[in-house]
Amino acid sequence: MDVVSAKMIGAGLAAIGVIGGGIGVGQVWAQYMNAVARNPSMEDRLRTPAFLGFALSEATSLFALVIALIILFT
């Protein structure tokens, strides 16, 4: 196997982490909507943790994307 093929396979495997970020973001917002639907008065107190969870989930997928691009272009 040549180096270019190995880089392509490695970048593809590293990009799998983006799927986890998408699932995490979906779960954060689904649980936020569920909590607000059950208790609308808690919406303001739940918004900040929801955005924090969203940011952390999205950061993991961005890290996976950066690793894939580093593997691909170095």
C-alpha atoms as a PDB file:
ATOM      1  CA  MET A   1       0.000   0.000   0.000  1.00  0.00           C
ATOM      2  CA  ASP A   2       1.396   3.367  -0.928  1.00  0.00           C
ATOM      3  CA  VAL A   3       1.439   6.431   1.314  1.00  0.00           C
ATOM      4  CA  VAL A   4      -1.385   8.249  -0.476  1.00  0.00           C
ATOM      5  CA  SER A   5      -3.761   5.324  -0.006  1.00  0.00           C
ATOM      6  CA  ALA A   6      -2.847   5.057   3.663  1.00  0.00           C
ATOM      7  CA  LYS A   7      -3.507   8.783   4.128  1.00  0.00           C
ATOM      8  CA  MET A   8      -6.930   8.482   2.505  1.00  0.00           C
ATOM      9  CA  ILE A   9      -7.891   5.531   4.688  1.00  0.00           C
ATOM     10  CA  GLY A  10      -6.597   7.248   7.827  1.00  0.00           C
ATOM     11  CA  ALA A  11      -8.456  10.477   7.053  1.00  0.00           C
ATOM     12  CA  GLY A  12     -11.649   8.548   6.417  1.00  0.00           C
ATOM     13  CA  LEU A  13     -11.336   6.708   9.704  1.00  0.00           C
ATOM     14  CA  ALA A  14     -10.604   9.939  11.572  1.00  0.00           C
ATOM     15  CA  ALA A  15     -13.662  11.592  10.004  1.00  0.00           C
ATOM     16  CA  ILE A  16     -15.930   8.963  11.578  1.00  0.00           C
ATOM     17  CA  GLY A  17     -15.787  11.063  14.752  1.00  0.00           C
ATOM     18  CA  VAL A  18     -17.966  13.672  13.024  1.00  0.00           C
ATOM     19  CA  ILE A  19     -20.871  11.225  13.231  1.00  0.00           C
ATOM     20  CA  GLY A  20     -20.605  11.187  17.009  1.00  0.00           C
ATOM     21  CA  GLY A  21     -20.739  14.974  17.103  1.00  0.00           C
ATOM     22  CA  GLY A  22     -23.931  14.984  15.067  1.00  0.00           C
ATOM     23  CA  ILE A  23     -25.537  12.426  17.335  1.00  0.00           C
ATOM     24  CA  GLY A  24     -24.441  14.375  20.410  1.00  0.00           C
ATOM     25  CA  VAL A  25     -25.881  17.649  19.127  1.00  0.00           C
ATOM     26  CA  GLY A  26     -29.157  15.932  18.289  1.00  0.00           C
ATOM     27  CA  GLN A  27     -29.358  14.427  21.756  1.00  0.00           C
ATOM     28  CA  VAL A  28     -28.625  17.740  23.486  1.00  0.00           C
ATOM     29  CA  TRP A  29     -31.400  19.586  21.671  1.00  0.00           C
ATOM     30  CA  ALA A  30     -33.863  16.694  21.912  1.00  0.00           C
ATOM     31  CA  GLN A  31     -33.416  16.518  25.675  1.00  0.00           C
ATOM     32  CA  TYR A  32     -33.620  20.306  25.961  1.00  0.00           C
ATOM     33  CA  MET A  33     -36.923  20.364  24.074  1.00  0.00           C
ATOM     34  CA  ASN A  34     -38.209  17.483  26.184  1.00  0.00           C
ATOM     35  CA  ALA A  35     -37.298  19.264  29.430  1.00  0.00           C
ATOM     36  CA  VAL A  36     -38.845  22.552  28.315  1.00  0.00           C
ATOM     37  CA  ALA A  37     -42.007  20.785  27.191  1.00  0.00           C
ATOM     38  CA  ARG A  38     -42.322  19.181  30.623  1.00  0.00           C
ATOM     39  CA  ASN A  39     -41.562  22.352  32.586  1.00  0.00           C
ATOM     40  CA  PRO A  40     -41.732  25.581  30.540  1.00  0.00           C
ATOM     41  CA  SER A  41     -40.794  27.756  33.512  1.00  0.00           C
ATOM     42  CA  MET A  42     -37.274  26.239  33.525  1.00  0.00           C
ATOM     43  CA  GLU A  43     -36.506  27.328  29.959  1.00  0.00           C
ATOM     44  CA  ASP A  44     -34.189  30.181  30.925  1.00  0.00           C
ATOM     45  CA  ARG A  45     -32.237  28.068  33.426  1.00  0.00           C
ATOM     46  CA  LEU A  46     -31.813  25.199  30.940  1.00  0.00           C
ATOM     47  CA  ARG A  47     -30.747  27.282  27.948  1.00  0.00           C
ATOM     48  CA  THR A  48     -27.153  27.892  29.098  1.00  0.00           C
ATOM     49  CA  PRO A  49     -26.361  24.221  29.837  1.00  0.00           C
ATOM     50  CA  ALA A  50     -27.966  23.274  26.520  1.00  0.00           C
ATOM     51  CA  PHE A  51     -25.727  25.663  24.608  1.00  0.00           C
ATOM     52  CA  LEU A  52     -22.709  24.442  26.568  1.00  0.00           C
ATOM     53  CA  GLY A  53     -23.530  20.831  25.702  1.00  0.00           C
ATOM     54  CA  PHE A  54     -24.037  21.835  22.083  1.00  0.00           C
ATOM     55  CA  ALA A  55     -20.664  23.601  21.972  1.00  0.00           C
ATOM     56  CA  LEU A  56     -18.805  20.691  23.543  1.00  0.00           C
ATOM     57  CA  SER A  57     -20.434  18.153  21.221  1.00  0.00           C
ATOM     58  CA  GLU A  58     -19.681  20.296  18.199  1.00  0.00           C
ATOM     59  CA  ALA A  59     -16.086  20.795  19.363  1.00  0.00           C
ATOM     60  CA  THR A  60     -15.454  17.044  19.367  1.00  0.00           C
ATOM     61  CA  SER A  61     -16.642  16.786  15.797  1.00  0.00           C
ATOM     62  CA  LEU A  62     -14.503  19.758  14.769  1.00  0.00           C
ATOM     63  CA  PHE A  63     -11.479  18.131  16.415  1.00  0.00           C
ATOM     64  CA  ALA A  64     -12.142  14.951  14.435  1.00  0.00           C
ATOM     65  CA  LEU A  65     -12.407  16.976  11.231  1.00  0.00           C
ATOM     66  CA  VAL A  66      -9.159  18.818  11.944  1.00  0.00           C
ATOM     67  CA  ILE A  67      -7.351  15.540  12.631  1.00  0.00           C
ATOM     68  CA  ALA A  68      -8.690  14.116   9.359  1.00  0.00           C
ATOM     69  CA  LEU A  69      -7.498  17.176   7.445  1.00  0.00           C
ATOM     70  CA  ILE A  70      -4.077  17.054   9.122  1.00  0.00           C
ATOM     71  CA  ILE A  71      -3.705  13.420   8.134  1.00  0.00           C
ATOM     72  CA  LEU A  72      -4.854  14.129   4.603  1.00  0.00           C
ATOM     73  CA  PHE A  73      -2.702  17.165   3.840  1.00  0.00           C
ATOM     74  CA  THR A  74       0.580  16.395   5.612  1.00  0.00           C
END
